[in-house]
Structure formats: C-alpha cells, structure tokens
N, C-alpha and C. Protein backbone atom coordinates (compact mmCIF):
# COMPACT_ATOMS: atom_id res chain seq x y z
N MET A 1 -2.66 12.14 -12.52
CA MET A 1 -3.02 10.82 -12.00
C MET A 1 -2.89 10.80 -10.48
N ARG A 2 -1.85 11.45 -9.97
CA ARG A 2 -1.64 11.46 -8.52
C ARG A 2 -2.85 12.05 -7.79
N GLY A 3 -3.43 13.11 -8.34
CA GLY A 3 -4.60 13.72 -7.72
C GLY A 3 -5.79 12.78 -7.66
N GLU A 4 -5.93 11.95 -8.69
CA GLU A 4 -7.03 10.99 -8.72
C GLU A 4 -6.88 9.95 -7.62
N PHE A 5 -5.64 9.50 -7.37
CA PHE A 5 -5.42 8.53 -6.29
C PHE A 5 -5.70 9.17 -4.93
N GLU A 6 -5.28 10.41 -4.77
CA GLU A 6 -5.53 11.10 -3.50
C GLU A 6 -7.03 11.26 -3.26
N GLU A 7 -7.76 11.61 -4.31
CA GLU A 7 -9.20 11.75 -4.20
C GLU A 7 -9.86 10.40 -3.87
N ALA A 8 -9.39 9.35 -4.53
CA ALA A 8 -9.93 8.01 -4.26
C ALA A 8 -9.65 7.60 -2.82
N ALA A 9 -8.44 7.89 -2.33
CA ALA A 9 -8.09 7.54 -0.95
C ALA A 9 -9.03 8.24 0.03
N GLU A 10 -9.36 9.50 -0.25
CA GLU A 10 -10.29 10.24 0.61
C GLU A 10 -11.68 9.61 0.59
N LEU A 11 -12.14 9.22 -0.60
CA LEU A 11 -13.46 8.60 -0.71
C LEU A 11 -13.52 7.27 0.04
N PHE A 12 -12.45 6.46 -0.09
CA PHE A 12 -12.43 5.18 0.63
C PHE A 12 -12.34 5.40 2.13
N ALA A 13 -11.59 6.41 2.55
CA ALA A 13 -11.50 6.72 3.98
C ALA A 13 -12.88 7.09 4.52
N HIS A 14 -13.63 7.85 3.74
CA HIS A 14 -14.99 8.23 4.16
C HIS A 14 -15.89 6.98 4.23
N ALA A 15 -15.80 6.13 3.23
CA ALA A 15 -16.60 4.90 3.23
C ALA A 15 -16.26 4.04 4.45
N LEU A 16 -14.97 3.99 4.79
CA LEU A 16 -14.55 3.17 5.94
C LEU A 16 -14.91 3.83 7.27
N ASP A 17 -15.09 5.14 7.26
CA ASP A 17 -15.61 5.80 8.47
C ASP A 17 -17.04 5.35 8.73
N ILE A 18 -17.77 5.12 7.67
CA ILE A 18 -19.17 4.68 7.78
C ILE A 18 -19.22 3.20 8.16
N ASN A 19 -18.39 2.39 7.50
CA ASN A 19 -18.36 0.96 7.79
C ASN A 19 -16.91 0.49 7.72
N SER A 20 -16.27 0.39 8.85
CA SER A 20 -14.84 0.07 8.91
C SER A 20 -14.52 -1.36 8.49
N GLU A 21 -15.56 -2.18 8.28
CA GLU A 21 -15.33 -3.57 7.89
C GLU A 21 -15.81 -3.85 6.46
N HIS A 22 -15.94 -2.82 5.67
CA HIS A 22 -16.36 -2.99 4.27
C HIS A 22 -15.17 -3.54 3.49
N ILE A 23 -15.23 -4.81 3.16
CA ILE A 23 -14.09 -5.51 2.58
C ILE A 23 -13.64 -4.90 1.25
N GLN A 24 -14.58 -4.58 0.37
CA GLN A 24 -14.18 -4.01 -0.92
C GLN A 24 -13.50 -2.66 -0.75
N ALA A 25 -14.00 -1.84 0.15
CA ALA A 25 -13.36 -0.54 0.41
C ALA A 25 -11.97 -0.73 0.99
N LEU A 26 -11.80 -1.73 1.84
CA LEU A 26 -10.48 -2.03 2.40
C LEU A 26 -9.52 -2.46 1.29
N LYS A 27 -9.98 -3.36 0.41
CA LYS A 27 -9.14 -3.82 -0.71
C LYS A 27 -8.79 -2.67 -1.63
N ASP A 28 -9.81 -1.90 -2.01
CA ASP A 28 -9.57 -0.81 -2.97
C ASP A 28 -8.67 0.28 -2.38
N SER A 29 -8.87 0.59 -1.11
CA SER A 29 -8.02 1.61 -0.50
C SER A 29 -6.59 1.10 -0.35
N ALA A 30 -6.42 -0.19 -0.08
CA ALA A 30 -5.08 -0.76 -0.02
C ALA A 30 -4.40 -0.63 -1.37
N PHE A 31 -5.14 -0.89 -2.44
CA PHE A 31 -4.58 -0.77 -3.78
C PHE A 31 -4.19 0.68 -4.09
N VAL A 32 -5.04 1.62 -3.72
CA VAL A 32 -4.75 3.04 -3.95
C VAL A 32 -3.48 3.44 -3.20
N TYR A 33 -3.38 3.01 -1.94
CA TYR A 33 -2.17 3.32 -1.17
C TYR A 33 -0.94 2.68 -1.80
N LEU A 34 -1.09 1.49 -2.32
CA LEU A 34 0.02 0.83 -3.01
C LEU A 34 0.46 1.67 -4.21
N MET A 35 -0.48 2.16 -4.98
CA MET A 35 -0.16 2.97 -6.16
C MET A 35 0.51 4.29 -5.77
N GLU A 36 0.23 4.77 -4.56
CA GLU A 36 0.84 6.00 -4.07
C GLU A 36 2.16 5.74 -3.32
N SER A 37 2.58 4.48 -3.29
CA SER A 37 3.78 4.06 -2.55
C SER A 37 3.67 4.33 -1.05
N LYS A 38 2.45 4.27 -0.55
CA LYS A 38 2.20 4.41 0.89
C LYS A 38 2.02 3.00 1.45
N PHE A 39 3.16 2.33 1.61
CA PHE A 39 3.14 0.90 1.93
C PHE A 39 2.62 0.60 3.33
N THR A 40 2.89 1.46 4.29
CA THR A 40 2.40 1.23 5.65
C THR A 40 0.89 1.26 5.67
N GLU A 41 0.31 2.27 5.03
CA GLU A 41 -1.15 2.39 4.99
C GLU A 41 -1.76 1.22 4.21
N ALA A 42 -1.13 0.86 3.10
CA ALA A 42 -1.63 -0.28 2.31
C ALA A 42 -1.60 -1.56 3.14
N SER A 43 -0.51 -1.76 3.87
CA SER A 43 -0.38 -2.97 4.70
C SER A 43 -1.44 -3.00 5.79
N GLU A 44 -1.71 -1.86 6.40
CA GLU A 44 -2.73 -1.80 7.46
C GLU A 44 -4.10 -2.17 6.92
N ARG A 45 -4.45 -1.63 5.75
CA ARG A 45 -5.76 -1.91 5.18
C ARG A 45 -5.89 -3.37 4.76
N ILE A 46 -4.86 -3.91 4.14
CA ILE A 46 -4.96 -5.28 3.65
C ILE A 46 -4.93 -6.26 4.82
N LYS A 47 -4.23 -5.93 5.89
CA LYS A 47 -4.22 -6.78 7.09
C LYS A 47 -5.63 -6.87 7.68
N LYS A 48 -6.31 -5.75 7.73
CA LYS A 48 -7.68 -5.76 8.26
C LYS A 48 -8.60 -6.56 7.33
N ALA A 49 -8.43 -6.39 6.02
CA ALA A 49 -9.25 -7.15 5.06
C ALA A 49 -9.00 -8.65 5.20
N ARG A 50 -7.73 -9.03 5.40
CA ARG A 50 -7.41 -10.46 5.56
C ARG A 50 -8.03 -11.04 6.82
N ALA A 51 -8.08 -10.23 7.87
CA ALA A 51 -8.71 -10.70 9.11
C ALA A 51 -10.20 -10.95 8.90
N LEU A 52 -10.82 -10.14 8.05
CA LEU A 52 -12.26 -10.29 7.80
C LEU A 52 -12.57 -11.37 6.77
N ALA A 53 -11.67 -11.57 5.82
CA ALA A 53 -11.90 -12.55 4.75
C ALA A 53 -10.59 -13.27 4.42
N PRO A 54 -10.15 -14.15 5.33
CA PRO A 54 -8.84 -14.77 5.19
C PRO A 54 -8.66 -15.65 3.95
N GLU A 55 -9.73 -16.11 3.34
CA GLU A 55 -9.62 -16.99 2.17
C GLU A 55 -9.82 -16.25 0.85
N ASP A 56 -10.03 -14.96 0.89
CA ASP A 56 -10.26 -14.17 -0.32
C ASP A 56 -8.98 -14.13 -1.15
N SER A 57 -9.04 -14.68 -2.37
CA SER A 57 -7.84 -14.77 -3.20
C SER A 57 -7.35 -13.39 -3.67
N GLU A 58 -8.25 -12.45 -3.90
CA GLU A 58 -7.83 -11.09 -4.29
C GLU A 58 -7.07 -10.42 -3.16
N ILE A 59 -7.52 -10.62 -1.95
CA ILE A 59 -6.84 -10.03 -0.79
C ILE A 59 -5.45 -10.64 -0.63
N LYS A 60 -5.37 -11.97 -0.78
CA LYS A 60 -4.06 -12.64 -0.67
C LYS A 60 -3.10 -12.12 -1.74
N SER A 61 -3.60 -11.98 -2.96
CA SER A 61 -2.77 -11.50 -4.06
C SER A 61 -2.30 -10.07 -3.81
N LEU A 62 -3.20 -9.22 -3.39
CA LEU A 62 -2.85 -7.83 -3.11
C LEU A 62 -1.87 -7.74 -1.95
N ASP A 63 -2.04 -8.59 -0.96
CA ASP A 63 -1.12 -8.63 0.17
C ASP A 63 0.30 -8.97 -0.31
N ARG A 64 0.41 -9.94 -1.19
CA ARG A 64 1.73 -10.30 -1.75
C ARG A 64 2.32 -9.14 -2.54
N ARG A 65 1.49 -8.48 -3.35
CA ARG A 65 1.98 -7.34 -4.14
C ARG A 65 2.48 -6.22 -3.24
N ILE A 66 1.77 -5.96 -2.16
CA ILE A 66 2.19 -4.91 -1.22
C ILE A 66 3.52 -5.29 -0.58
N SER A 67 3.65 -6.55 -0.17
CA SER A 67 4.90 -7.01 0.45
C SER A 67 6.08 -6.88 -0.51
N ILE A 68 5.87 -7.26 -1.75
CA ILE A 68 6.93 -7.17 -2.76
C ILE A 68 7.29 -5.71 -3.02
N ALA A 69 6.28 -4.87 -3.18
CA ALA A 69 6.54 -3.45 -3.44
C ALA A 69 7.29 -2.81 -2.28
N LYS A 70 6.93 -3.20 -1.07
CA LYS A 70 7.60 -2.66 0.11
C LYS A 70 9.08 -3.06 0.10
N LYS A 71 9.37 -4.31 -0.23
CA LYS A 71 10.75 -4.78 -0.29
C LYS A 71 11.52 -4.08 -1.40
N ILE A 72 10.88 -3.87 -2.54
CA ILE A 72 11.53 -3.16 -3.65
C ILE A 72 11.84 -1.72 -3.23
N GLY A 73 10.90 -1.09 -2.55
CA GLY A 73 11.11 0.27 -2.07
C GLY A 73 12.27 0.35 -1.09
N GLN A 74 12.37 -0.61 -0.18
CA GLN A 74 13.47 -0.64 0.78
C GLN A 74 14.79 -0.86 0.06
N THR A 75 14.80 -1.75 -0.92
CA THR A 75 16.02 -2.01 -1.70
C THR A 75 16.44 -0.75 -2.44
N HIS A 76 15.49 -0.05 -3.02
CA HIS A 76 15.77 1.18 -3.75
C HIS A 76 16.41 2.21 -2.81
N GLU A 77 15.89 2.32 -1.59
CA GLU A 77 16.45 3.27 -0.62
C GLU A 77 17.90 2.93 -0.30
N VAL A 78 18.20 1.65 -0.10
CA VAL A 78 19.56 1.22 0.22
C VAL A 78 20.50 1.54 -0.95
N ILE A 79 20.06 1.21 -2.16
CA ILE A 79 20.89 1.47 -3.34
C ILE A 79 21.12 2.98 -3.50
N SER A 80 20.10 3.77 -3.28
CA SER A 80 20.24 5.22 -3.38
C SER A 80 21.26 5.76 -2.38
N ARG A 81 21.23 5.23 -1.15
CA ARG A 81 22.20 5.65 -0.13
C ARG A 81 23.61 5.26 -0.52
N ILE A 82 23.77 4.07 -1.08
CA ILE A 82 25.10 3.61 -1.51
C ILE A 82 25.63 4.50 -2.62
N ILE A 83 24.77 4.80 -3.59
CA ILE A 83 25.19 5.65 -4.71
C ILE A 83 25.55 7.04 -4.20
N LYS A 84 24.74 7.57 -3.31
CA LYS A 84 25.02 8.90 -2.75
C LYS A 84 26.33 8.89 -2.00
N LYS A 85 26.57 7.85 -1.22
CA LYS A 85 27.82 7.73 -0.46
C LYS A 85 29.00 7.66 -1.42
N ASP A 86 28.89 6.86 -2.48
CA ASP A 86 29.96 6.73 -3.46
C ASP A 86 30.22 8.06 -4.16
N ASN A 87 29.20 8.81 -4.46
CA ASN A 87 29.36 10.11 -5.11
C ASN A 87 30.05 11.11 -4.19
N ASN A 88 29.84 11.00 -2.90
CA ASN A 88 30.48 11.90 -1.95
C ASN A 88 31.94 11.56 -1.75
N ILE A 89 32.31 10.30 -1.96
CA ILE A 89 33.69 9.86 -1.80
C ILE A 89 34.53 10.31 -3.00
N SER A 90 33.95 10.24 -4.18
CA SER A 90 34.69 10.55 -5.43
C SER A 90 35.09 11.99 -5.53
C-alpha cells in the first residue's frame, strides 16, 4: 500500500508541475500526504487549495483532518519520549 501512495504522490506532483493551481490535484495530493503521515507537505497543499477555493467544504474537512492528525502525531512523539525516558530510568 505504501508504494501506491508514493506513486500517487509522484503523479500528483507531476500534475501540479503542469498546473500548480489544479484544485483537485491539490486536494488529492494533500490526502495522499496525510495517509503517508507527511503532515507538513499535506498542510502546504491544503493551504494552497484553501487559498484558491476558500468555501470548498471538502478542502475545509481535509484541512481539519490534517490538523488533527498532526496534533495526534505530536502527542504520540511526546508519549514515546516519556516512555523511553521512563524505561531508561528503571
């Protein structure tokens, strides 16, 4: 599955090289980056899509999902560090 997301990301990158304001390609590539846990890239793509179509409900929803996933990822990192620290103390 991971290879399919990487291939999709490449295809969307190529499409965006041709037309950097293609809203569907921006949305779809943001989703692919989200699935790959590449939150910075997902945020960049969805931010550009929101600038082009600020009232698009799919873009707003995907933006929220990316924000939530990013926060969950940060929380996971903190918890992992705490657990690692506790294991080193014991």
